Amino acid sequence: MAKINKDEFIASLKEMSMLEVMELVDAMKEEFGVDPSAVAVAAAPAQTEEAAGPSTVTVTLTSAGPNKLPVIKLIKEVTGLGLKEAKDIADNGGAIKENIPTSEADELKAKFEEAGATVEVK
């Protein structure tokens, strides 16, 4: 059997269906006693995080705008805080939600901007 290089191997993988790739993984488990998918899964997050940016962000209120009441109500709704705590955030600014997915942060930002507030996603 002729030895193939990694580029040829990858090219052949691209031509396979998902079922064929799964069968290949199973065959590699049997032949070598190693699960190649565990290695690939462990390495993948480091690569995607660098390429896509942070996976979690913090939404911070920088200004409640001229009409604070809708912003206070929204802070209460989103955070579950009481009226006084929500008013403090509206008056002084601060973190609304921390360590949330970027998709959720984008939705929150849109809601707060619609209410007249200025928020920052970090």
C-alpha atoms as a PDB file:
ATOM      1  CA  MET A   1       0.000   0.000   0.000  1.00  0.00           C
ATOM      2  CA  ALA A   2       1.325   3.408  -0.946  1.00  0.00           C
ATOM      3  CA  LYS A   3       1.814   5.960   1.796  1.00  0.00           C
ATOM      4  CA  ILE A   4      -0.370   9.088   1.448  1.00  0.00           C
ATOM      5  CA  ASN A   5       0.457  12.497   2.865  1.00  0.00           C
ATOM      6  CA  LYS A   6      -1.831  14.583   5.048  1.00  0.00           C
ATOM      7  CA  ASP A   7      -3.027  16.762   2.153  1.00  0.00           C
ATOM      8  CA  GLU A   8      -4.181  13.700   0.220  1.00  0.00           C
ATOM      9  CA  PHE A   9      -5.844  12.317   3.350  1.00  0.00           C
ATOM     10  CA  ILE A  10      -7.711  15.587   3.962  1.00  0.00           C
ATOM     11  CA  ALA A  11      -8.751  15.773   0.312  1.00  0.00           C
ATOM     12  CA  SER A  12     -10.203  12.267   0.549  1.00  0.00           C
ATOM     13  CA  LEU A  13     -12.027  13.189   3.774  1.00  0.00           C
ATOM     14  CA  LYS A  14     -13.672  16.131   2.002  1.00  0.00           C
ATOM     15  CA  GLU A  15     -15.135  13.737  -0.551  1.00  0.00           C
ATOM     16  CA  MET A  16     -16.662  11.442   2.108  1.00  0.00           C
ATOM     17  CA  SER A  17     -20.211  11.639   3.423  1.00  0.00           C
ATOM     18  CA  MET A  18     -20.765  12.063   7.156  1.00  0.00           C
ATOM     19  CA  LEU A  19     -21.682   8.391   7.427  1.00  0.00           C
ATOM     20  CA  GLU A  20     -18.409   7.378   5.789  1.00  0.00           C
ATOM     21  CA  VAL A  21     -16.440   9.651   8.132  1.00  0.00           C
ATOM     22  CA  MET A  22     -18.206   8.128  11.150  1.00  0.00           C
ATOM     23  CA  GLU A  23     -17.346   4.645   9.884  1.00  0.00           C
ATOM     24  CA  LEU A  24     -13.715   5.750   9.453  1.00  0.00           C
ATOM     25  CA  VAL A  25     -13.609   7.037  13.036  1.00  0.00           C
ATOM     26  CA  ASP A  26     -15.017   3.740  14.304  1.00  0.00           C
ATOM     27  CA  ALA A  27     -12.439   1.793  12.287  1.00  0.00           C
ATOM     28  CA  MET A  28      -9.633   3.959  13.730  1.00  0.00           C
ATOM     29  CA  LYS A  29     -10.933   3.255  17.249  1.00  0.00           C
ATOM     30  CA  GLU A  30     -10.808  -0.481  16.586  1.00  0.00           C
ATOM     31  CA  GLU A  31      -7.436  -0.469  14.840  1.00  0.00           C
ATOM     32  CA  PHE A  32      -5.490   1.886  17.092  1.00  0.00           C
ATOM     33  CA  GLY A  33      -7.525   1.952  20.317  1.00  0.00           C
ATOM     34  CA  VAL A  34      -7.727   5.748  20.152  1.00  0.00           C
ATOM     35  CA  ASP A  35     -10.789   7.939  19.671  1.00  0.00           C
ATOM     36  CA  PRO A  36      -9.758  10.560  17.077  1.00  0.00           C
ATOM     37  CA  SER A  37     -12.961  12.544  17.579  1.00  0.00           C
ATOM     38  CA  ALA A  38     -12.039  13.231  21.227  1.00  0.00           C
ATOM     39  CA  VAL A  39      -8.751  14.761  20.121  1.00  0.00           C
ATOM     40  CA  ALA A  40     -10.456  16.844  17.420  1.00  0.00           C
ATOM     41  CA  VAL A  41     -13.155  18.083  19.798  1.00  0.00           C
ATOM     42  CA  ALA A  42     -10.606  19.042  22.446  1.00  0.00           C
ATOM     43  CA  ALA A  43      -8.546  21.029  19.955  1.00  0.00           C
ATOM     44  CA  ALA A  44     -11.445  22.738  18.179  1.00  0.00           C
ATOM     45  CA  PRO A  45     -12.577  25.251  20.853  1.00  0.00           C
ATOM     46  CA  ALA A  46      -9.164  26.915  21.086  1.00  0.00           C
ATOM     47  CA  GLN A  47      -9.108  27.499  17.338  1.00  0.00           C
ATOM     48  CA  THR A  48     -12.679  28.797  17.055  1.00  0.00           C
ATOM     49  CA  GLU A  49     -12.361  31.101  20.059  1.00  0.00           C
ATOM     50  CA  GLU A  50      -9.346  32.818  18.559  1.00  0.00           C
ATOM     51  CA  ALA A  51     -11.021  33.170  15.179  1.00  0.00           C
ATOM     52  CA  ALA A  52     -14.500  34.183  16.334  1.00  0.00           C
ATOM     53  CA  GLY A  53     -13.615  36.321  19.351  1.00  0.00           C
ATOM     54  CA  PRO A  54     -14.924  35.855  22.868  1.00  0.00           C
ATOM     55  CA  SER A  55     -17.770  33.417  23.359  1.00  0.00           C
ATOM     56  CA  THR A  56     -19.189  35.269  26.358  1.00  0.00           C
ATOM     57  CA  VAL A  57     -19.514  38.993  26.926  1.00  0.00           C
ATOM     58  CA  THR A  58     -20.804  41.515  29.464  1.00  0.00           C
ATOM     59  CA  VAL A  59     -23.564  44.020  28.734  1.00  0.00           C
ATOM     60  CA  THR A  60     -22.971  47.302  30.569  1.00  0.00           C
ATOM     61  CA  LEU A  61     -25.318  50.279  30.807  1.00  0.00           C
ATOM     62  CA  THR A  62     -23.459  53.504  30.099  1.00  0.00           C
ATOM     63  CA  SER A  63     -26.456  55.864  30.040  1.00  0.00           C
ATOM     64  CA  ALA A  64     -30.153  55.414  30.759  1.00  0.00           C
ATOM     65  CA  GLY A  65     -31.073  58.262  28.442  1.00  0.00           C
ATOM     66  CA  PRO A  66     -33.659  60.987  29.023  1.00  0.00           C
ATOM     67  CA  ASN A  67     -36.527  58.656  30.007  1.00  0.00           C
ATOM     68  CA  LYS A  68     -35.298  56.325  32.761  1.00  0.00           C
ATOM     69  CA  LEU A  69     -38.569  54.596  33.656  1.00  0.00           C
ATOM     70  CA  PRO A  70     -38.664  52.140  30.702  1.00  0.00           C
ATOM     71  CA  VAL A  71     -34.962  51.424  31.234  1.00  0.00           C
ATOM     72  CA  ILE A  72     -35.491  50.692  34.948  1.00  0.00           C
ATOM     73  CA  LYS A  73     -38.368  48.350  34.087  1.00  0.00           C
ATOM     74  CA  LEU A  74     -36.204  46.580  31.522  1.00  0.00           C
ATOM     75  CA  ILE A  75     -33.325  46.208  33.998  1.00  0.00           C
ATOM     76  CA  LYS A  76     -35.740  44.679  36.537  1.00  0.00           C
ATOM     77  CA  GLU A  77     -37.107  42.306  33.898  1.00  0.00           C
ATOM     78  CA  VAL A  78     -33.721  41.190  32.607  1.00  0.00           C
ATOM     79  CA  THR A  79     -31.843  40.886  35.905  1.00  0.00           C
ATOM     80  CA  GLY A  80     -34.557  40.050  38.418  1.00  0.00           C
ATOM     81  CA  LEU A  81     -33.314  42.851  40.679  1.00  0.00           C
ATOM     82  CA  GLY A  82     -35.568  44.943  42.874  1.00  0.00           C
ATOM     83  CA  LEU A  83     -36.688  48.462  42.048  1.00  0.00           C
ATOM     84  CA  LYS A  84     -33.989  50.199  44.101  1.00  0.00           C
ATOM     85  CA  GLU A  85     -31.139  48.123  42.629  1.00  0.00           C
ATOM     86  CA  ALA A  86     -32.449  48.594  39.086  1.00  0.00           C
ATOM     87  CA  LYS A  87     -32.754  52.360  39.659  1.00  0.00           C
ATOM     88  CA  ASP A  88     -29.170  52.456  40.969  1.00  0.00           C
ATOM     89  CA  ILE A  89     -27.916  50.832  37.776  1.00  0.00           C
ATOM     90  CA  ALA A  90     -30.000  53.232  35.671  1.00  0.00           C
ATOM     91  CA  ASP A  91     -28.636  56.233  37.595  1.00  0.00           C
ATOM     92  CA  ASN A  92     -24.985  55.192  37.852  1.00  0.00           C
ATOM     93  CA  GLY A  93     -24.513  52.690  35.029  1.00  0.00           C
ATOM     94  CA  GLY A  94     -22.989  49.270  35.494  1.00  0.00           C
ATOM     95  CA  ALA A  95     -23.098  45.684  34.394  1.00  0.00           C
ATOM     96  CA  ILE A  96     -26.529  44.422  33.476  1.00  0.00           C
ATOM     97  CA  LYS A  97     -25.577  40.843  32.601  1.00  0.00           C
ATOM     98  CA  GLU A  98     -22.168  39.174  32.674  1.00  0.00           C
ATOM     99  CA  ASN A  99     -20.760  36.116  30.897  1.00  0.00           C
ATOM    100  CA  ILE A 100     -23.607  35.682  28.432  1.00  0.00           C
ATOM    101  CA  PRO A 101     -23.426  34.469  24.820  1.00  0.00           C
ATOM    102  CA  THR A 102     -22.894  37.165  22.214  1.00  0.00           C
ATOM    103  CA  SER A 103     -26.255  36.411  20.584  1.00  0.00           C
ATOM    104  CA  GLU A 104     -28.082  37.102  23.863  1.00  0.00           C
ATOM    105  CA  ALA A 105     -25.996  40.245  24.372  1.00  0.00           C
ATOM    106  CA  ASP A 106     -26.990  41.551  20.937  1.00  0.00           C
ATOM    107  CA  GLU A 107     -30.675  41.000  21.764  1.00  0.00           C
ATOM    108  CA  LEU A 108     -30.306  42.816  25.097  1.00  0.00           C
ATOM    109  CA  LYS A 109     -28.463  45.698  23.444  1.00  0.00           C
ATOM    110  CA  ALA A 110     -31.286  46.108  20.933  1.00  0.00           C
ATOM    111  CA  LYS A 111     -33.919  46.116  23.705  1.00  0.00           C
ATOM    112  CA  PHE A 112     -32.076  48.723  25.766  1.00  0.00           C
ATOM    113  CA  GLU A 113     -31.407  50.946  22.762  1.00  0.00           C
ATOM    114  CA  GLU A 114     -35.096  50.734  21.857  1.00  0.00           C
ATOM    115  CA  ALA A 115     -35.891  51.959  25.402  1.00  0.00           C
ATOM    116  CA  GLY A 116     -33.538  54.916  24.871  1.00  0.00           C
ATOM    117  CA  ALA A 117     -30.521  53.667  26.816  1.00  0.00           C
ATOM    118  CA  THR A 118     -26.900  53.421  25.731  1.00  0.00           C
ATOM    119  CA  VAL A 119     -25.212  50.090  26.415  1.00  0.00           C
ATOM    120  CA  GLU A 120     -21.778  48.660  25.759  1.00  0.00           C
ATOM    121  CA  VAL A 121     -20.959  45.033  24.978  1.00  0.00           C
ATOM    122  CA  LYS A 122     -17.501  43.920  26.142  1.00  0.00           C
END
